[in-house]
C-alpha atoms as a PDB file:
ATOM      1  CA  MET A   1       7.727   4.801  45.395  1.00  0.00           C
ATOM      2  CA  ALA A   2       5.096   6.724  47.263  1.00  0.00           C
ATOM      3  CA  GLU A   3       5.919   9.972  48.942  1.00  0.00           C
ATOM      4  CA  SER A   4       6.468   9.510  52.656  1.00  0.00           C
ATOM      5  CA  ILE A   5       4.234  11.494  55.158  1.00  0.00           C
ATOM      6  CA  ILE A   6       6.302  10.298  58.102  1.00  0.00           C
ATOM      7  CA  GLU A   7      10.063   9.568  57.889  1.00  0.00           C
ATOM      8  CA  ILE A   8      12.017   8.222  60.981  1.00  0.00           C
ATOM      9  CA  LYS A   9      15.782   7.796  60.314  1.00  0.00           C
ATOM     10  CA  ASN A  10      18.095   6.135  62.780  1.00  0.00           C
ATOM     11  CA  VAL A  11      16.302   7.227  65.812  1.00  0.00           C
ATOM     12  CA  THR A  12      17.264   6.252  69.336  1.00  0.00           C
ATOM     13  CA  LYS A  13      15.726   7.402  72.525  1.00  0.00           C
ATOM     14  CA  MET A  14      17.516   6.745  75.837  1.00  0.00           C
ATOM     15  CA  TYR A  15      16.080   7.475  79.295  1.00  0.00           C
ATOM     16  CA  GLY A  16      19.436   7.725  81.063  1.00  0.00           C
ATOM     17  CA  SER A  17      21.068   4.305  80.648  1.00  0.00           C
ATOM     18  CA  THR A  18      17.517   2.699  79.899  1.00  0.00           C
ATOM     19  CA  ARG A  19      16.588   1.882  76.321  1.00  0.00           C
ATOM     20  CA  GLY A  20      13.474   3.520  74.869  1.00  0.00           C
ATOM     21  CA  ILE A  21      14.097   2.550  71.266  1.00  0.00           C
ATOM     22  CA  VAL A  22      17.400   1.995  69.376  1.00  0.00           C
ATOM     23  CA  ASP A  23      18.137   2.971  65.923  1.00  0.00           C
ATOM     24  CA  ILE A  24      14.705   2.631  64.198  1.00  0.00           C
ATOM     25  CA  THR A  25      14.138   3.720  60.628  1.00  0.00           C
ATOM     26  CA  LEU A  26      10.510   3.859  59.250  1.00  0.00           C
ATOM     27  CA  ASP A  27       8.793   5.421  56.303  1.00  0.00           C
ATOM     28  CA  VAL A  28       5.050   5.830  56.273  1.00  0.00           C
ATOM     29  CA  PRO A  29       3.752   6.390  52.739  1.00  0.00           C
ATOM     30  CA  LYS A  30       1.347   9.270  52.061  1.00  0.00           C
ATOM     31  CA  GLY A  31      -2.218   7.945  51.847  1.00  0.00           C
ATOM     32  CA  SER A  32      -1.774   4.884  54.072  1.00  0.00           C
ATOM     33  CA  ILE A  33      -3.336   3.594  57.290  1.00  0.00           C
ATOM     34  CA  PHE A  34      -0.334   2.305  59.232  1.00  0.00           C
ATOM     35  CA  GLY A  35      -0.705   0.083  62.329  1.00  0.00           C
ATOM     36  CA  PHE A  36       2.189   0.190  64.640  1.00  0.00           C
ATOM     37  CA  LEU A  37       2.203  -3.214  66.497  1.00  0.00           C
ATOM     38  CA  GLY A  38       4.287  -4.880  69.108  1.00  0.00           C
ATOM     39  CA  PRO A  39       4.436  -6.182  72.603  1.00  0.00           C
ATOM     40  CA  ASN A  40       4.294  -4.036  75.642  1.00  0.00           C
ATOM     41  CA  GLY A  41       7.720  -2.293  76.186  1.00  0.00           C
ATOM     42  CA  ALA A  42       8.723  -2.387  72.487  1.00  0.00           C
ATOM     43  CA  GLY A  43       8.704   1.345  72.191  1.00  0.00           C
ATOM     44  CA  LYS A  44       5.523   2.131  70.400  1.00  0.00           C
ATOM     45  CA  THR A  45       4.359   5.000  72.785  1.00  0.00           C
ATOM     46  CA  THR A  46       7.927   6.316  72.922  1.00  0.00           C
ATOM     47  CA  THR A  47       8.042   6.514  69.104  1.00  0.00           C
ATOM     48  CA  ILE A  48       4.697   8.097  68.922  1.00  0.00           C
ATOM     49  CA  SER A  49       5.549  10.710  71.662  1.00  0.00           C
ATOM     50  CA  MET A  50       8.609  11.653  69.622  1.00  0.00           C
ATOM     51  CA  LEU A  51       6.429  11.986  66.461  1.00  0.00           C
ATOM     52  CA  VAL A  52       4.151  14.478  68.173  1.00  0.00           C
ATOM     53  CA  ASP A  53       7.160  16.254  69.819  1.00  0.00           C
ATOM     54  CA  LEU A  54       6.185  15.473  73.446  1.00  0.00           C
ATOM     55  CA  ILE A  55       9.739  13.979  73.863  1.00  0.00           C
ATOM     56  CA  LYS A  56      12.984  14.487  71.865  1.00  0.00           C
ATOM     57  CA  PRO A  57      15.015  11.708  70.414  1.00  0.00           C
ATOM     58  CA  THR A  58      18.452  11.176  71.772  1.00  0.00           C
ATOM     59  CA  LYS A  59      19.731  10.922  68.212  1.00  0.00           C
ATOM     60  CA  GLY A  60      18.321  10.501  64.710  1.00  0.00           C
ATOM     61  CA  LYS A  61      15.848  12.635  62.686  1.00  0.00           C
ATOM     62  CA  ILE A  62      12.057  12.565  62.329  1.00  0.00           C
ATOM     63  CA  SER A  63      10.318  14.346  59.428  1.00  0.00           C
ATOM     64  CA  ILE A  64       6.441  14.764  58.967  1.00  0.00           C
ATOM     65  CA  PHE A  65       5.085  16.444  55.899  1.00  0.00           C
ATOM     66  CA  GLY A  66       8.666  16.955  54.936  1.00  0.00           C
ATOM     67  CA  LEU A  67       9.162  19.153  58.007  1.00  0.00           C
ATOM     68  CA  ASP A  68      11.508  18.626  60.821  1.00  0.00           C
ATOM     69  CA  SER A  69       9.569  17.283  63.859  1.00  0.00           C
ATOM     70  CA  GLU A  70      11.320  19.456  66.380  1.00  0.00           C
ATOM     71  CA  ALA A  71      12.079  22.713  64.490  1.00  0.00           C
ATOM     72  CA  ASP A  72       8.562  22.713  62.745  1.00  0.00           C
ATOM     73  CA  SER A  73       6.465  21.276  65.562  1.00  0.00           C
ATOM     74  CA  TYR A  74       3.911  24.027  65.517  1.00  0.00           C
ATOM     75  CA  LYS A  75       3.278  23.788  61.756  1.00  0.00           C
ATOM     76  CA  ILE A  76       3.031  19.961  61.973  1.00  0.00           C
ATOM     77  CA  ARG A  77       0.633  20.048  64.916  1.00  0.00           C
ATOM     78  CA  GLN A  78      -1.672  22.383  62.990  1.00  0.00           C
ATOM     79  CA  LYS A  79      -2.212  19.568  60.421  1.00  0.00           C
ATOM     80  CA  MET A  80      -2.283  16.742  62.840  1.00  0.00           C
ATOM     81  CA  GLY A  81      -4.874  15.118  65.108  1.00  0.00           C
ATOM     82  CA  PHE A  82      -3.546  13.203  68.120  1.00  0.00           C
ATOM     83  CA  LEU A  83      -4.992  10.988  70.747  1.00  0.00           C
ATOM     84  CA  GLY A  84      -2.666   9.631  73.394  1.00  0.00           C
ATOM     85  CA  SER A  85      -3.235   6.378  75.209  1.00  0.00           C
ATOM     86  CA  ASP A  86      -3.949   8.275  78.484  1.00  0.00           C
ATOM     87  CA  MET A  87      -5.405  11.589  77.341  1.00  0.00           C
ATOM     88  CA  ALA A  88      -6.025  13.976  80.225  1.00  0.00           C
ATOM     89  CA  LEU A  89      -9.562  15.608  80.285  1.00  0.00           C
ATOM     90  CA  ASP A  90     -10.873  18.197  82.690  1.00  0.00           C
ATOM     91  CA  GLY A  91     -13.461  16.390  84.806  1.00  0.00           C
ATOM     92  CA  THR A  92     -15.320  19.544  85.599  1.00  0.00           C
ATOM     93  CA  LEU A  93     -16.137  20.375  82.035  1.00  0.00           C
ATOM     94  CA  THR A  94     -18.933  18.750  79.876  1.00  0.00           C
ATOM     95  CA  GLY A  95     -17.802  16.931  76.829  1.00  0.00           C
ATOM     96  CA  TRP A  96     -18.962  20.030  74.732  1.00  0.00           C
ATOM     97  CA  GLN A  97     -16.929  22.331  76.863  1.00  0.00           C
ATOM     98  CA  GLN A  98     -13.827  20.110  76.563  1.00  0.00           C
ATOM     99  CA  VAL A  99     -14.247  19.954  72.772  1.00  0.00           C
ATOM    100  CA  GLU A 100     -14.847  23.698  72.504  1.00  0.00           C
ATOM    101  CA  TYR A 101     -11.688  24.340  74.603  1.00  0.00           C
ATOM    102  CA  PHE A 102      -9.592  22.265  72.191  1.00  0.00           C
ATOM    103  CA  GLY A 103     -11.358  23.865  69.243  1.00  0.00           C
ATOM    104  CA  HIS A 104     -10.502  27.385  70.397  1.00  0.00           C
ATOM    105  CA  LEU A 105      -6.889  26.292  70.849  1.00  0.00           C
ATOM    106  CA  ARG A 106      -6.891  25.104  67.229  1.00  0.00           C
ATOM    107  CA  GLY A 107      -8.787  28.065  66.029  1.00  0.00           C
ATOM    108  CA  SER A 108     -11.670  26.136  64.639  1.00  0.00           C
ATOM    109  CA  PHE A 109     -14.863  24.723  65.868  1.00  0.00           C
ATOM    110  CA  ASP A 110     -17.284  23.070  63.488  1.00  0.00           C
ATOM    111  CA  LYS A 111     -20.377  22.298  65.553  1.00  0.00           C
ATOM    112  CA  PRO A 112     -22.279  20.304  62.835  1.00  0.00           C
ATOM    113  CA  TYR A 113     -19.144  17.916  62.273  1.00  0.00           C
ATOM    114  CA  ILE A 114     -18.625  17.538  65.973  1.00  0.00           C
ATOM    115  CA  SER A 115     -22.349  16.675  66.402  1.00  0.00           C
ATOM    116  CA  GLU A 116     -22.049  14.173  63.557  1.00  0.00           C
ATOM    117  CA  LEU A 117     -19.049  12.528  65.179  1.00  0.00           C
ATOM    118  CA  ALA A 118     -20.789  12.432  68.560  1.00  0.00           C
ATOM    119  CA  LYS A 119     -23.796  10.756  66.999  1.00  0.00           C
ATOM    120  CA  LYS A 120     -21.811   8.199  65.228  1.00  0.00           C
ATOM    121  CA  LEU A 121     -19.842   7.353  68.360  1.00  0.00           C
ATOM    122  CA  ASP A 122     -22.862   7.583  70.586  1.00  0.00           C
ATOM    123  CA  CYS A 123     -21.265  10.115  72.720  1.00  0.00           C
ATOM    124  CA  ASP A 124     -23.287  12.279  75.052  1.00  0.00           C
ATOM    125  CA  LEU A 125     -21.228  15.599  75.123  1.00  0.00           C
ATOM    126  CA  THR A 126     -23.731  17.140  77.671  1.00  0.00           C
ATOM    127  CA  ARG A 127     -22.371  15.174  80.558  1.00  0.00           C
ATOM    128  CA  LYS A 128     -19.425  16.153  82.676  1.00  0.00           C
ATOM    129  CA  ILE A 129     -16.220  14.294  82.007  1.00  0.00           C
ATOM    130  CA  LYS A 130     -15.961  13.073  85.541  1.00  0.00           C
ATOM    131  CA  THR A 131     -19.292  11.208  85.219  1.00  0.00           C
ATOM    132  CA  LEU A 132     -18.272   9.367  82.100  1.00  0.00           C
ATOM    133  CA  SER A 133     -16.847   5.924  81.776  1.00  0.00           C
ATOM    134  CA  ARG A 134     -13.461   5.186  80.409  1.00  0.00           C
ATOM    135  CA  GLY A 135     -14.941   4.306  77.050  1.00  0.00           C
ATOM    136  CA  ASN A 136     -17.074   7.461  76.902  1.00  0.00           C
ATOM    137  CA  ARG A 137     -13.991   9.604  77.852  1.00  0.00           C
ATOM    138  CA  GLN A 138     -12.190   7.917  75.006  1.00  0.00           C
ATOM    139  CA  LYS A 139     -15.009   8.965  72.577  1.00  0.00           C
ATOM    140  CA  VAL A 140     -14.550  12.668  73.683  1.00  0.00           C
ATOM    141  CA  GLY A 141     -10.895  12.166  72.923  1.00  0.00           C
ATOM    142  CA  LEU A 142     -11.504  10.722  69.533  1.00  0.00           C
ATOM    143  CA  ILE A 143     -13.822  13.588  68.796  1.00  0.00           C
ATOM    144  CA  THR A 144     -11.149  16.264  69.733  1.00  0.00           C
ATOM    145  CA  ALA A 145      -8.588  14.478  67.509  1.00  0.00           C
ATOM    146  CA  LEU A 146     -10.919  14.379  64.529  1.00  0.00           C
ATOM    147  CA  MET A 147     -12.860  17.571  64.807  1.00  0.00           C
ATOM    148  CA  HIS A 148     -10.637  19.720  62.713  1.00  0.00           C
ATOM    149  CA  LYS A 149     -10.385  17.158  59.831  1.00  0.00           C
ATOM    150  CA  PRO A 150      -6.541  16.912  60.118  1.00  0.00           C
ATOM    151  CA  GLU A 151      -4.397  15.778  57.353  1.00  0.00           C
ATOM    152  CA  LEU A 152      -2.598  13.268  59.745  1.00  0.00           C
ATOM    153  CA  LEU A 153      -4.102  11.278  62.490  1.00  0.00           C
ATOM    154  CA  VAL A 154      -1.756   9.805  65.218  1.00  0.00           C
ATOM    155  CA  PHE A 155      -3.517   7.549  67.660  1.00  0.00           C
ATOM    156  CA  ASP A 156      -2.037   5.541  70.530  1.00  0.00           C
ATOM    157  CA  GLU A 157      -4.515   2.702  71.309  1.00  0.00           C
ATOM    158  CA  PRO A 158      -7.606   4.690  69.934  1.00  0.00           C
ATOM    159  CA  THR A 159     -10.114   2.000  70.588  1.00  0.00           C
ATOM    160  CA  SER A 160      -9.090   1.109  74.090  1.00  0.00           C
ATOM    161  CA  GLY A 161     -12.220   1.068  76.372  1.00  0.00           C
ATOM    162  CA  LEU A 162     -14.653   1.181  73.435  1.00  0.00           C
ATOM    163  CA  ASP A 163     -17.220  -1.592  73.052  1.00  0.00           C
ATOM    164  CA  PRO A 164     -17.028  -3.701  69.825  1.00  0.00           C
ATOM    165  CA  LEU A 165     -19.934  -1.780  68.161  1.00  0.00           C
ATOM    166  CA  VAL A 166     -18.355   1.571  68.653  1.00  0.00           C
ATOM    167  CA  GLN A 167     -14.927   0.076  67.636  1.00  0.00           C
ATOM    168  CA  ASP A 168     -16.650  -0.841  64.267  1.00  0.00           C
ATOM    169  CA  GLU A 169     -18.105   2.661  63.973  1.00  0.00           C
ATOM    170  CA  PHE A 170     -14.634   4.104  64.643  1.00  0.00           C
ATOM    171  CA  ASN A 171     -13.161   1.986  61.884  1.00  0.00           C
ATOM    172  CA  GLN A 172     -15.799   3.382  59.605  1.00  0.00           C
ATOM    173  CA  ILE A 173     -15.138   6.979  60.560  1.00  0.00           C
ATOM    174  CA  ILE A 174     -11.469   6.387  59.908  1.00  0.00           C
ATOM    175  CA  PHE A 175     -11.939   4.949  56.459  1.00  0.00           C
ATOM    176  CA  GLU A 176     -14.326   7.816  55.600  1.00  0.00           C
ATOM    177  CA  HIS A 177     -11.791  10.306  56.804  1.00  0.00           C
ATOM    178  CA  LYS A 178      -9.026   8.486  54.905  1.00  0.00           C
ATOM    179  CA  ASN A 179     -10.837   9.046  51.631  1.00  0.00           C
ATOM    180  CA  GLN A 180     -10.839  12.752  52.426  1.00  0.00           C
ATOM    181  CA  VAL A 181      -7.237  13.310  53.685  1.00  0.00           C
ATOM    182  CA  LYS A 182      -5.490   9.961  53.229  1.00  0.00           C
ATOM    183  CA  GLN A 183      -2.816  10.078  55.951  1.00  0.00           C
ATOM    184  CA  TYR A 184      -2.803   8.077  59.276  1.00  0.00           C
ATOM    185  CA  LEU A 185      -0.756   6.472  61.906  1.00  0.00           C
ATOM    186  CA  PHE A 186      -2.025   4.627  64.885  1.00  0.00           C
ATOM    187  CA  ARG A 187      -0.821   2.080  67.374  1.00  0.00           C
ATOM    188  CA  ARG A 188      -2.654  -0.859  68.678  1.00  0.00           C
ATOM    189  CA  THR A 189      -1.365  -3.455  71.037  1.00  0.00           C
ATOM    190  CA  PHE A 190      -2.620  -6.986  70.747  1.00  0.00           C
END
């Protein structure tokens, strides 16, 4: 059996008396691309939010890279790229400024690689975020998630707002990246 990169064991998340998710168990093998599918309200975003330690499980345990998702959150985040379904960007900044900001937070900023991603995604990083369409803001978010070549990518609806040609390019980027680091999780609602 392949080593698990993500292990979710008997996890429940309640919002007061409202169910988020109940008693899920899931193993994502190292080296896989894992699509998390389901209808609206099934708990996909809740699960992803717990994976990236934005919210805490009510009960159960989550391990990533063999580390506890709560106790070792900082170590995990250093090796993870994340794009939420509703990423907030600063509208007053240009795409480059936004990417630089996240790069400085991470401690790395590889301009040639970022330029390569921007070219592949047809993303103009010189424009202010507030002037960009939803799809172009999504491209900036994808670049920030990928720019440090993380070992694990966690996406919540990464192609939302992208045209079909850019979606195809995104898929190619992911497969190229997989050949380098081999660990992914993303969610897509159909």
